[in-house]
Amino acid sequence: AEHLLIRRRRLIGPGGRGSTITNCVVDCRSETGNIGISVDDEYTTVSNCSVLDALNVGLWVTADYCNISNITIDNTDETLGTCVLASQDNCMFTNIITKGGDVGIRVVGTNNSFINCQARDATTYQFRIVTGGDNYFFRCEASGTGVYSSSGVTNYVFASPTLSKPNITGSRGSNAALASLLTALAAANIITDSTS
């Protein structure tokens, strides 16, 4: 398929507001001038998808309040495209991995959150923030040319994967659920568990 397009034409249902798209692969290798996945309606959820070699944009989010997770954009064979273009507001991007392209993740919208996102081996910028509004980056990683922010854009947070983890102290007592939760958080490298 040339691309997957989620349009504004419907109010509800597949392809419209509140849609959920999951477990898809969009292969753009035989196409030109294309977009892999375009999300054009609010409250859309896209998860567990991958896009291969979209010439223009791998994933383009042009709607507010979208939830995008577990997405891989592989543009290693395309040196011009943008892997992810976040052009609207109040969206959540979790576990996004981009490879190659000209820009890994380009942010034009505001008040978006990026959690555990990785941009690798883009030819110009791994992350490019070109909006004057706040965007938040937690445990994100940029390889190669790193992070670029346009002139005057300073109000964003970019936290590296080496963030200090909170150290949890105190007694667990006989609370088995608390003990299980702390053990799981420590195993996921989110906290340091110093409880007894």
N, C-alpha and C. Protein backbone atom coordinates (compact mmCIF):
# COMPACT_ATOMS: atom_id res chain seq x y z
N ALA A 1 0.85 -1.18 0.00
CA ALA A 1 0.00 0.00 0.00
C ALA A 1 0.88 1.23 0.00
N GLU A 2 0.42 2.28 -0.68
CA GLU A 2 1.23 3.49 -0.72
C GLU A 2 1.27 4.15 0.65
N HIS A 3 0.12 4.28 1.29
CA HIS A 3 0.10 4.83 2.64
C HIS A 3 -1.20 4.49 3.33
N LEU A 4 -1.18 4.66 4.63
CA LEU A 4 -2.37 4.48 5.45
C LEU A 4 -2.82 5.86 5.87
N LEU A 5 -4.04 6.24 5.51
CA LEU A 5 -4.54 7.58 5.77
C LEU A 5 -5.74 7.51 6.69
N ILE A 6 -5.65 8.23 7.79
CA ILE A 6 -6.76 8.31 8.73
C ILE A 6 -7.34 9.70 8.59
N ARG A 7 -8.53 9.80 7.97
CA ARG A 7 -9.06 11.09 7.54
C ARG A 7 -10.06 11.69 8.51
N ARG A 8 -10.33 12.97 8.30
CA ARG A 8 -11.31 13.69 9.09
C ARG A 8 -12.73 13.52 8.56
N ARG A 9 -12.94 12.79 7.54
CA ARG A 9 -14.24 12.75 6.88
C ARG A 9 -15.33 12.11 7.73
N ARG A 10 -14.97 11.25 8.65
CA ARG A 10 -15.97 10.59 9.47
C ARG A 10 -15.88 11.11 10.89
N LEU A 11 -17.00 11.10 11.59
CA LEU A 11 -17.00 11.53 12.98
C LEU A 11 -16.57 10.41 13.90
N ILE A 12 -16.98 9.17 13.59
CA ILE A 12 -16.59 8.03 14.41
C ILE A 12 -16.31 6.85 13.50
N GLY A 13 -15.74 5.80 14.07
CA GLY A 13 -15.52 4.59 13.30
C GLY A 13 -14.15 4.57 12.65
N PRO A 14 -13.83 3.47 11.97
CA PRO A 14 -12.51 3.32 11.35
C PRO A 14 -12.21 4.47 10.39
N GLY A 15 -11.08 5.06 10.56
CA GLY A 15 -10.67 6.16 9.70
C GLY A 15 -11.15 7.51 10.17
N GLY A 16 -11.88 7.58 11.26
CA GLY A 16 -12.39 8.85 11.77
C GLY A 16 -11.98 9.08 13.20
N ARG A 17 -12.59 10.05 13.82
CA ARG A 17 -12.30 10.42 15.20
C ARG A 17 -12.43 9.21 16.13
N GLY A 18 -11.41 9.03 16.96
CA GLY A 18 -11.43 7.93 17.91
C GLY A 18 -11.06 6.58 17.34
N SER A 19 -10.52 6.53 16.13
CA SER A 19 -10.13 5.26 15.53
C SER A 19 -8.95 4.63 16.25
N THR A 20 -8.84 3.33 16.14
CA THR A 20 -7.68 2.59 16.64
C THR A 20 -7.10 1.78 15.50
N ILE A 21 -5.83 1.98 15.23
CA ILE A 21 -5.10 1.23 14.21
C ILE A 21 -3.96 0.52 14.90
N THR A 22 -3.85 -0.80 14.70
CA THR A 22 -2.80 -1.54 15.38
C THR A 22 -2.27 -2.66 14.48
N ASN A 23 -1.03 -3.06 14.75
CA ASN A 23 -0.41 -4.21 14.08
C ASN A 23 -0.43 -4.08 12.55
N CYS A 24 0.14 -3.01 12.02
CA CYS A 24 0.18 -2.83 10.58
C CYS A 24 1.61 -2.58 10.10
N VAL A 25 1.85 -2.91 8.85
CA VAL A 25 3.13 -2.63 8.19
C VAL A 25 2.81 -1.88 6.90
N VAL A 26 3.44 -0.73 6.73
CA VAL A 26 3.27 0.06 5.51
C VAL A 26 4.61 0.07 4.78
N ASP A 27 4.65 -0.60 3.63
CA ASP A 27 5.88 -0.73 2.85
C ASP A 27 5.82 0.26 1.68
N CYS A 28 6.67 1.27 1.73
CA CYS A 28 6.66 2.33 0.72
C CYS A 28 7.81 2.19 -0.27
N ARG A 29 8.49 1.09 -0.27
CA ARG A 29 9.72 0.99 -1.06
C ARG A 29 9.50 1.10 -2.56
N SER A 30 8.31 0.78 -3.06
CA SER A 30 8.09 0.87 -4.50
C SER A 30 7.31 2.13 -4.88
N GLU A 31 7.14 3.05 -3.94
CA GLU A 31 6.36 4.26 -4.19
C GLU A 31 7.27 5.48 -4.20
N THR A 32 6.78 6.60 -4.76
CA THR A 32 7.52 7.85 -4.73
C THR A 32 6.61 8.96 -4.22
N GLY A 33 7.18 9.95 -3.55
CA GLY A 33 6.43 11.10 -3.09
C GLY A 33 5.34 10.76 -2.11
N ASN A 34 5.62 9.85 -1.17
CA ASN A 34 4.55 9.32 -0.34
C ASN A 34 4.67 9.64 1.14
N ILE A 35 3.58 9.35 1.85
CA ILE A 35 3.50 9.40 3.30
C ILE A 35 3.13 7.99 3.75
N GLY A 36 3.82 7.49 4.76
CA GLY A 36 3.53 6.14 5.24
C GLY A 36 2.19 6.07 5.96
N ILE A 37 2.08 6.73 7.10
CA ILE A 37 0.84 6.79 7.87
C ILE A 37 0.52 8.25 8.14
N SER A 38 -0.69 8.67 7.79
CA SER A 38 -1.14 10.04 8.03
C SER A 38 -2.34 9.99 8.98
N VAL A 39 -2.22 10.65 10.12
CA VAL A 39 -3.28 10.66 11.13
C VAL A 39 -3.90 12.05 11.13
N ASP A 40 -5.14 12.14 10.62
CA ASP A 40 -5.77 13.44 10.42
C ASP A 40 -6.98 13.70 11.30
N ASP A 41 -7.27 12.83 12.27
CA ASP A 41 -8.43 13.07 13.11
C ASP A 41 -8.09 12.88 14.58
N GLU A 42 -8.77 13.64 15.43
CA GLU A 42 -8.48 13.68 16.86
C GLU A 42 -8.75 12.33 17.54
N TYR A 43 -8.05 12.14 18.65
CA TYR A 43 -8.26 10.99 19.54
C TYR A 43 -8.01 9.66 18.84
N THR A 44 -7.14 9.65 17.85
CA THR A 44 -6.78 8.42 17.15
C THR A 44 -5.65 7.73 17.90
N THR A 45 -5.72 6.41 17.96
CA THR A 45 -4.66 5.60 18.56
C THR A 45 -4.02 4.76 17.46
N VAL A 46 -2.70 4.85 17.36
CA VAL A 46 -1.95 4.02 16.42
C VAL A 46 -0.86 3.31 17.22
N SER A 47 -0.82 1.98 17.11
CA SER A 47 0.18 1.25 17.90
C SER A 47 0.67 0.02 17.14
N ASN A 48 1.88 -0.39 17.49
CA ASN A 48 2.48 -1.61 16.97
C ASN A 48 2.51 -1.64 15.43
N CYS A 49 2.99 -0.55 14.85
CA CYS A 49 3.06 -0.46 13.39
C CYS A 49 4.47 -0.10 12.95
N SER A 50 4.76 -0.41 11.70
CA SER A 50 6.06 -0.02 11.14
C SER A 50 5.87 0.51 9.73
N VAL A 51 6.78 1.42 9.35
CA VAL A 51 6.76 2.02 8.02
C VAL A 51 8.16 1.86 7.43
N LEU A 52 8.21 1.42 6.18
CA LEU A 52 9.49 1.21 5.50
C LEU A 52 9.66 2.23 4.39
N ASP A 53 10.69 3.05 4.49
CA ASP A 53 11.19 3.91 3.41
C ASP A 53 10.15 4.80 2.75
N ALA A 54 9.45 5.57 3.58
CA ALA A 54 8.55 6.60 3.03
C ALA A 54 9.40 7.77 2.55
N LEU A 55 9.21 8.20 1.31
CA LEU A 55 10.06 9.24 0.73
C LEU A 55 9.85 10.59 1.40
N ASN A 56 8.59 10.95 1.72
CA ASN A 56 8.33 12.26 2.32
C ASN A 56 8.25 12.20 3.84
N VAL A 57 7.24 11.54 4.38
CA VAL A 57 7.06 11.44 5.84
C VAL A 57 6.64 10.02 6.19
N GLY A 58 7.29 9.43 7.16
CA GLY A 58 6.90 8.09 7.60
C GLY A 58 5.60 8.08 8.37
N LEU A 59 5.50 8.93 9.39
CA LEU A 59 4.29 9.06 10.21
C LEU A 59 4.01 10.55 10.38
N TRP A 60 2.85 11.00 9.92
CA TRP A 60 2.50 12.42 9.99
C TRP A 60 1.23 12.55 10.81
N VAL A 61 1.34 13.21 11.96
CA VAL A 61 0.19 13.41 12.85
C VAL A 61 -0.26 14.86 12.71
N THR A 62 -1.45 15.06 12.12
CA THR A 62 -1.99 16.40 11.89
C THR A 62 -3.26 16.63 12.70
N ALA A 63 -3.45 15.88 13.78
CA ALA A 63 -4.64 16.02 14.62
C ALA A 63 -4.21 16.07 16.09
N ASP A 64 -5.04 16.69 16.91
CA ASP A 64 -4.76 16.81 18.34
C ASP A 64 -5.18 15.54 19.10
N TYR A 65 -4.61 15.38 20.29
CA TYR A 65 -5.03 14.36 21.26
C TYR A 65 -4.90 12.94 20.73
N CYS A 66 -3.85 12.68 19.99
CA CYS A 66 -3.63 11.32 19.48
C CYS A 66 -2.65 10.59 20.38
N ASN A 67 -2.76 9.27 20.39
CA ASN A 67 -1.89 8.41 21.18
C ASN A 67 -1.16 7.48 20.22
N ILE A 68 0.14 7.68 20.09
CA ILE A 68 0.96 6.95 19.12
C ILE A 68 2.00 6.15 19.91
N SER A 69 2.02 4.82 19.73
CA SER A 69 2.96 4.03 20.53
C SER A 69 3.49 2.82 19.75
N ASN A 70 4.70 2.44 20.12
CA ASN A 70 5.35 1.25 19.57
C ASN A 70 5.38 1.29 18.03
N ILE A 71 5.98 2.35 17.52
CA ILE A 71 6.07 2.57 16.08
C ILE A 71 7.54 2.56 15.67
N THR A 72 7.85 1.88 14.58
CA THR A 72 9.19 1.90 14.00
C THR A 72 9.10 2.49 12.59
N ILE A 73 9.90 3.50 12.35
CA ILE A 73 10.00 4.10 11.02
C ILE A 73 11.42 3.85 10.52
N ASP A 74 11.56 3.03 9.50
CA ASP A 74 12.87 2.70 8.97
C ASP A 74 13.04 3.39 7.61
N ASN A 75 13.81 4.47 7.61
CA ASN A 75 14.08 5.22 6.39
C ASN A 75 15.56 5.15 6.04
N THR A 76 16.18 4.04 6.33
CA THR A 76 17.62 3.94 6.09
C THR A 76 17.96 4.02 4.61
N ASP A 77 17.00 3.71 3.73
CA ASP A 77 17.27 3.81 2.29
C ASP A 77 16.84 5.14 1.70
N GLU A 78 16.27 6.03 2.52
CA GLU A 78 15.83 7.33 2.04
C GLU A 78 16.54 8.41 2.84
N THR A 79 17.28 9.28 2.19
CA THR A 79 18.06 10.30 2.90
C THR A 79 17.34 11.64 2.96
N LEU A 80 16.15 11.78 2.36
CA LEU A 80 15.48 13.07 2.31
C LEU A 80 14.28 13.16 3.24
N GLY A 81 13.61 12.08 3.52
CA GLY A 81 12.34 12.12 4.24
C GLY A 81 12.47 12.43 5.72
N THR A 82 11.32 12.83 6.30
CA THR A 82 11.19 12.99 7.74
C THR A 82 10.51 11.73 8.28
N CYS A 83 11.10 11.10 9.28
CA CYS A 83 10.51 9.86 9.78
C CYS A 83 9.19 10.13 10.51
N VAL A 84 9.18 11.06 11.46
CA VAL A 84 7.96 11.40 12.20
C VAL A 84 7.80 12.91 12.18
N LEU A 85 6.59 13.37 11.79
CA LEU A 85 6.27 14.79 11.81
C LEU A 85 5.07 14.99 12.73
N ALA A 86 5.31 15.63 13.88
CA ALA A 86 4.26 15.92 14.85
C ALA A 86 3.86 17.38 14.68
N SER A 87 2.77 17.60 13.93
CA SER A 87 2.43 18.98 13.58
C SER A 87 1.23 19.53 14.34
N GLN A 88 0.68 18.76 15.26
CA GLN A 88 -0.44 19.26 16.05
C GLN A 88 -0.11 19.20 17.53
N ASP A 89 -1.13 19.31 18.39
CA ASP A 89 -0.91 19.55 19.82
C ASP A 89 -1.48 18.42 20.68
N ASN A 90 -0.93 18.34 21.90
CA ASN A 90 -1.49 17.49 22.96
C ASN A 90 -1.50 16.01 22.60
N CYS A 91 -0.47 15.55 21.92
CA CYS A 91 -0.38 14.14 21.56
C CYS A 91 0.68 13.45 22.42
N MET A 92 0.53 12.13 22.55
CA MET A 92 1.47 11.31 23.30
C MET A 92 2.16 10.35 22.33
N PHE A 93 3.51 10.39 22.34
CA PHE A 93 4.31 9.51 21.51
C PHE A 93 5.16 8.65 22.44
N THR A 94 4.96 7.34 22.41
CA THR A 94 5.66 6.43 23.32
C THR A 94 6.33 5.32 22.52
N ASN A 95 7.59 5.06 22.84
CA ASN A 95 8.34 3.97 22.21
C ASN A 95 8.35 4.10 20.68
N ILE A 96 8.76 5.27 20.21
CA ILE A 96 8.90 5.51 18.78
C ILE A 96 10.38 5.36 18.43
N ILE A 97 10.68 4.57 17.41
CA ILE A 97 12.06 4.39 16.97
C ILE A 97 12.15 4.78 15.50
N THR A 98 13.04 5.72 15.20
CA THR A 98 13.26 6.11 13.81
C THR A 98 14.70 5.79 13.42
N LYS A 99 14.85 5.40 12.15
CA LYS A 99 16.17 5.10 11.61
C LYS A 99 16.31 5.78 10.27
N GLY A 100 17.37 6.57 10.12
CA GLY A 100 17.66 7.20 8.83
C GLY A 100 16.79 8.39 8.53
N GLY A 101 16.63 8.69 7.25
CA GLY A 101 15.91 9.87 6.81
C GLY A 101 16.74 11.13 7.00
N ASP A 102 16.17 12.25 6.65
CA ASP A 102 16.82 13.54 6.84
C ASP A 102 16.65 14.02 8.28
N VAL A 103 15.43 13.87 8.82
CA VAL A 103 15.12 14.22 10.21
C VAL A 103 14.42 13.03 10.84
N GLY A 104 14.83 12.67 12.04
CA GLY A 104 14.17 11.57 12.73
C GLY A 104 12.78 11.95 13.20
N ILE A 105 12.71 12.89 14.15
CA ILE A 105 11.43 13.35 14.69
C ILE A 105 11.40 14.87 14.62
N ARG A 106 10.45 15.40 13.84
CA ARG A 106 10.30 16.85 13.71
C ARG A 106 9.03 17.26 14.43
N VAL A 107 9.15 18.26 15.31
CA VAL A 107 8.02 18.69 16.14
C VAL A 107 7.66 20.11 15.78
N VAL A 108 6.44 20.28 15.26
CA VAL A 108 5.92 21.59 14.90
C VAL A 108 4.79 21.99 15.84
N GLY A 109 4.08 21.01 16.41
CA GLY A 109 2.99 21.27 17.34
C GLY A 109 3.50 21.60 18.73
N THR A 110 2.56 21.78 19.67
CA THR A 110 2.92 22.13 21.05
C THR A 110 2.26 21.18 22.04
N ASN A 111 2.85 21.15 23.23
CA ASN A 111 2.31 20.38 24.35
C ASN A 111 2.20 18.89 24.03
N ASN A 112 3.16 18.39 23.25
CA ASN A 112 3.24 16.97 22.97
C ASN A 112 4.25 16.33 23.92
N SER A 113 4.04 15.06 24.24
CA SER A 113 4.97 14.34 25.11
C SER A 113 5.58 13.18 24.35
N PHE A 114 6.89 13.03 24.50
CA PHE A 114 7.64 11.95 23.86
C PHE A 114 8.32 11.15 24.96
N ILE A 115 8.00 9.87 25.05
CA ILE A 115 8.52 9.02 26.12
C ILE A 115 9.22 7.83 25.49
N ASN A 116 10.46 7.59 25.89
CA ASN A 116 11.25 6.45 25.39
C ASN A 116 11.32 6.43 23.87
N CYS A 117 11.55 7.57 23.27
CA CYS A 117 11.67 7.65 21.82
C CYS A 117 13.14 7.72 21.41
N GLN A 118 13.47 7.06 20.31
CA GLN A 118 14.84 7.04 19.83
C GLN A 118 14.88 7.45 18.37
N ALA A 119 15.78 8.37 18.06
CA ALA A 119 15.99 8.79 16.67
C ALA A 119 17.45 8.50 16.34
N ARG A 120 17.66 7.71 15.29
CA ARG A 120 19.01 7.24 14.98
C ARG A 120 19.36 7.50 13.52
N ASP A 121 20.57 7.95 13.32
CA ASP A 121 21.22 7.95 12.01
C ASP A 121 20.52 8.81 10.95
N ALA A 122 19.80 9.85 11.37
CA ALA A 122 19.28 10.81 10.39
C ALA A 122 20.44 11.63 9.85
N THR A 123 20.32 12.08 8.60
CA THR A 123 21.45 12.78 7.99
C THR A 123 21.59 14.21 8.49
N THR A 124 20.49 14.86 8.92
CA THR A 124 20.58 16.26 9.38
C THR A 124 20.35 16.37 10.88
N TYR A 125 19.15 16.05 11.36
CA TYR A 125 18.84 16.13 12.79
C TYR A 125 18.05 14.91 13.24
N GLN A 126 18.39 14.42 14.43
CA GLN A 126 17.62 13.32 15.00
C GLN A 126 16.27 13.84 15.52
N PHE A 127 16.31 14.91 16.31
CA PHE A 127 15.11 15.61 16.78
C PHE A 127 15.22 17.05 16.30
N ARG A 128 14.16 17.58 15.70
CA ARG A 128 14.14 18.98 15.30
C ARG A 128 12.88 19.62 15.87
N ILE A 129 13.06 20.55 16.79
CA ILE A 129 11.95 21.21 17.46
C ILE A 129 11.85 22.62 16.90
N VAL A 130 10.76 22.91 16.19
CA VAL A 130 10.65 24.19 15.50
C VAL A 130 9.40 24.95 15.92
N THR A 131 8.91 24.68 17.11
CA THR A 131 7.72 25.35 17.61
C THR A 131 8.07 26.17 18.84
N GLY A 132 7.31 27.23 19.05
CA GLY A 132 7.56 28.06 20.22
C GLY A 132 6.89 27.57 21.48
N GLY A 133 6.03 26.55 21.37
CA GLY A 133 5.31 26.04 22.53
C GLY A 133 6.06 24.93 23.23
N ASP A 134 5.57 24.54 24.38
CA ASP A 134 6.22 23.50 25.17
C ASP A 134 6.00 22.13 24.55
N ASN A 135 7.05 21.34 24.53
CA ASN A 135 6.99 19.92 24.22
C ASN A 135 7.92 19.23 25.21
N TYR A 136 7.59 18.01 25.57
CA TYR A 136 8.29 17.33 26.66
C TYR A 136 8.87 16.02 26.16
N PHE A 137 10.15 15.79 26.49
CA PHE A 137 10.87 14.62 26.04
C PHE A 137 11.43 13.91 27.27
N PHE A 138 11.01 12.67 27.51
CA PHE A 138 11.44 11.91 28.67
C PHE A 138 12.11 10.63 28.22
N ARG A 139 13.34 10.42 28.69
CA ARG A 139 14.10 9.22 28.36
C ARG A 139 14.18 8.99 26.86
N CYS A 140 14.45 10.06 26.14
CA CYS A 140 14.59 9.98 24.69
C CYS A 140 16.07 9.97 24.33
N GLU A 141 16.37 9.38 23.20
CA GLU A 141 17.77 9.23 22.79
C GLU A 141 17.95 9.69 21.35
N ALA A 142 18.97 10.48 21.14
CA ALA A 142 19.30 10.96 19.80
C ALA A 142 20.74 10.55 19.48
N SER A 143 20.93 9.88 18.35
CA SER A 143 22.28 9.51 17.94
C SER A 143 22.70 10.41 16.79
N GLY A 144 23.97 10.44 16.51
CA GLY A 144 24.46 11.22 15.38
C GLY A 144 24.41 12.71 15.65
N THR A 145 23.69 13.48 14.82
CA THR A 145 23.73 14.93 14.89
C THR A 145 22.93 15.52 16.03
N GLY A 146 22.14 14.72 16.73
CA GLY A 146 21.50 15.17 17.96
C GLY A 146 20.26 16.01 17.79
N VAL A 147 20.12 17.00 18.69
CA VAL A 147 18.88 17.77 18.82
C VAL A 147 19.08 19.17 18.29
N TYR A 148 18.12 19.65 17.53
CA TYR A 148 18.15 21.01 16.99
C TYR A 148 16.88 21.72 17.41
N SER A 149 17.03 22.97 17.82
CA SER A 149 15.87 23.77 18.13
C SER A 149 16.03 25.10 17.42
N SER A 150 14.96 25.55 16.76
CA SER A 150 15.02 26.81 16.02
C SER A 150 15.36 27.98 16.92
N SER A 151 15.83 29.05 16.32
CA SER A 151 16.19 30.24 17.08
C SER A 151 15.03 30.72 17.93
N GLY A 152 15.29 30.92 19.19
CA GLY A 152 14.26 31.42 20.10
C GLY A 152 13.42 30.34 20.75
N VAL A 153 13.56 29.09 20.30
CA VAL A 153 12.78 28.00 20.90
C VAL A 153 13.61 27.41 22.03
N THR A 154 13.27 27.77 23.24
CA THR A 154 14.03 27.29 24.39
C THR A 154 13.14 26.62 25.43
N ASN A 155 11.82 26.71 25.27
CA ASN A 155 10.94 26.23 26.34
C ASN A 155 10.49 24.79 26.09
N TYR A 156 11.46 23.89 26.10
CA TYR A 156 11.14 22.48 26.04
C TYR A 156 12.09 21.73 26.96
N VAL A 157 11.72 20.52 27.32
CA VAL A 157 12.54 19.70 28.20
C VAL A 157 13.02 18.51 27.39
N PHE A 158 14.30 18.28 27.37
CA PHE A 158 14.84 17.09 26.72
C PHE A 158 15.68 16.35 27.74
N ALA A 159 15.19 15.20 28.14
CA ALA A 159 15.88 14.44 29.18
C ALA A 159 16.52 13.22 28.56
N SER A 160 17.77 13.01 28.86
CA SER A 160 18.50 11.91 28.25
C SER A 160 18.15 10.59 28.94
N PRO A 161 18.54 9.45 28.33
CA PRO A 161 18.27 8.17 28.96
C PRO A 161 19.02 7.97 30.26
N THR A 162 19.96 8.85 30.58
CA THR A 162 20.73 8.70 31.81
C THR A 162 20.11 9.52 32.95
N LEU A 163 18.81 9.79 32.86
CA LEU A 163 18.14 10.48 33.96
C LEU A 163 18.37 9.74 35.27
N SER A 164 18.56 10.49 36.35
CA SER A 164 18.70 9.84 37.64
C SER A 164 17.35 9.26 38.05
N LYS A 165 17.39 8.03 38.52
CA LYS A 165 16.17 7.35 38.93
C LYS A 165 15.88 7.69 40.39
N PRO A 166 14.61 7.82 40.76
CA PRO A 166 14.30 8.04 42.17
C PRO A 166 14.69 6.83 42.99
N ASN A 167 15.26 7.09 44.17
CA ASN A 167 15.64 6.03 45.09
C ASN A 167 14.54 5.89 46.13
N ILE A 168 13.87 4.75 46.15
CA ILE A 168 12.74 4.51 47.06
C ILE A 168 13.27 3.84 48.32
N THR A 169 12.99 4.45 49.47
CA THR A 169 13.45 3.92 50.76
C THR A 169 12.25 3.65 51.66
N GLY A 170 12.52 3.05 52.81
CA GLY A 170 11.48 2.77 53.79
C GLY A 170 11.20 1.28 53.88
N SER A 171 10.16 0.97 54.63
CA SER A 171 9.81 -0.43 54.87
C SER A 171 8.60 -0.84 54.02
N ARG A 172 8.71 -2.00 53.42
CA ARG A 172 7.57 -2.56 52.69
C ARG A 172 6.54 -3.18 53.64
N GLY A 173 7.03 -3.52 54.82
CA GLY A 173 6.17 -4.22 55.76
C GLY A 173 5.77 -5.57 55.19
N SER A 174 4.54 -5.95 55.39
CA SER A 174 4.07 -7.25 54.89
C SER A 174 3.16 -7.06 53.67
N ASN A 175 3.29 -5.93 53.00
CA ASN A 175 2.44 -5.62 51.86
C ASN A 175 3.02 -6.29 50.60
N ALA A 176 2.45 -7.42 50.22
CA ALA A 176 2.96 -8.18 49.08
C ALA A 176 2.78 -7.43 47.77
N ALA A 177 1.68 -6.71 47.63
CA ALA A 177 1.43 -5.96 46.39
C ALA A 177 2.46 -4.85 46.22
N LEU A 178 2.77 -4.15 47.29
CA LEU A 178 3.77 -3.09 47.24
C LEU A 178 5.14 -3.67 46.90
N ALA A 179 5.48 -4.80 47.52
CA ALA A 179 6.76 -5.44 47.24
C ALA A 179 6.85 -5.83 45.77
N SER A 180 5.78 -6.38 45.22
CA SER A 180 5.77 -6.77 43.82
C SER A 180 5.91 -5.57 42.89
N LEU A 181 5.21 -4.48 43.21
CA LEU A 181 5.29 -3.27 42.39
C LEU A 181 6.69 -2.69 42.40
N LEU A 182 7.30 -2.57 43.58
CA LEU A 182 8.65 -2.01 43.67
C LEU A 182 9.66 -2.87 42.93
N THR A 183 9.52 -4.18 43.04
CA THR A 183 10.42 -5.09 42.33
C THR A 183 10.30 -4.92 40.82
N ALA A 184 9.06 -4.81 40.35
CA ALA A 184 8.84 -4.64 38.91
C ALA A 184 9.38 -3.31 38.40
N LEU A 185 9.18 -2.22 39.15
CA LEU A 185 9.69 -0.92 38.74
C LEU A 185 11.22 -0.90 38.72
N ALA A 186 11.83 -1.56 39.68
CA ALA A 186 13.29 -1.63 39.70
C ALA A 186 13.81 -2.46 38.54
N ALA A 187 13.11 -3.56 38.21
CA ALA A 187 13.53 -4.41 37.09
C ALA A 187 13.40 -3.67 35.76
N ALA A 188 12.43 -2.75 35.67
CA ALA A 188 12.25 -1.96 34.45
C ALA A 188 13.18 -0.76 34.40
N ASN A 189 14.06 -0.63 35.40
CA ASN A 189 15.05 0.45 35.46
C ASN A 189 14.41 1.82 35.61
N ILE A 190 13.24 1.87 36.27
CA ILE A 190 12.54 3.13 36.50
C ILE A 190 12.90 3.72 37.86
N ILE A 191 13.09 2.86 38.86
CA ILE A 191 13.46 3.31 40.20
C ILE A 191 14.65 2.51 40.70
N THR A 192 15.27 3.00 41.77
CA THR A 192 16.22 2.22 42.55
C THR A 192 15.51 1.83 43.83
N ASP A 193 15.38 0.54 44.07
CA ASP A 193 14.64 0.05 45.22
C ASP A 193 15.58 -0.20 46.39
N SER A 194 15.50 0.70 47.39
CA SER A 194 16.30 0.55 48.60
C SER A 194 15.42 0.27 49.81
N THR A 195 14.25 -0.31 49.56
CA THR A 195 13.33 -0.60 50.67
C THR A 195 13.75 -1.88 51.37
N SER A 196 13.19 -2.05 52.54
CA SER A 196 13.51 -3.28 53.30
C SER A 196 12.23 -4.01 53.65
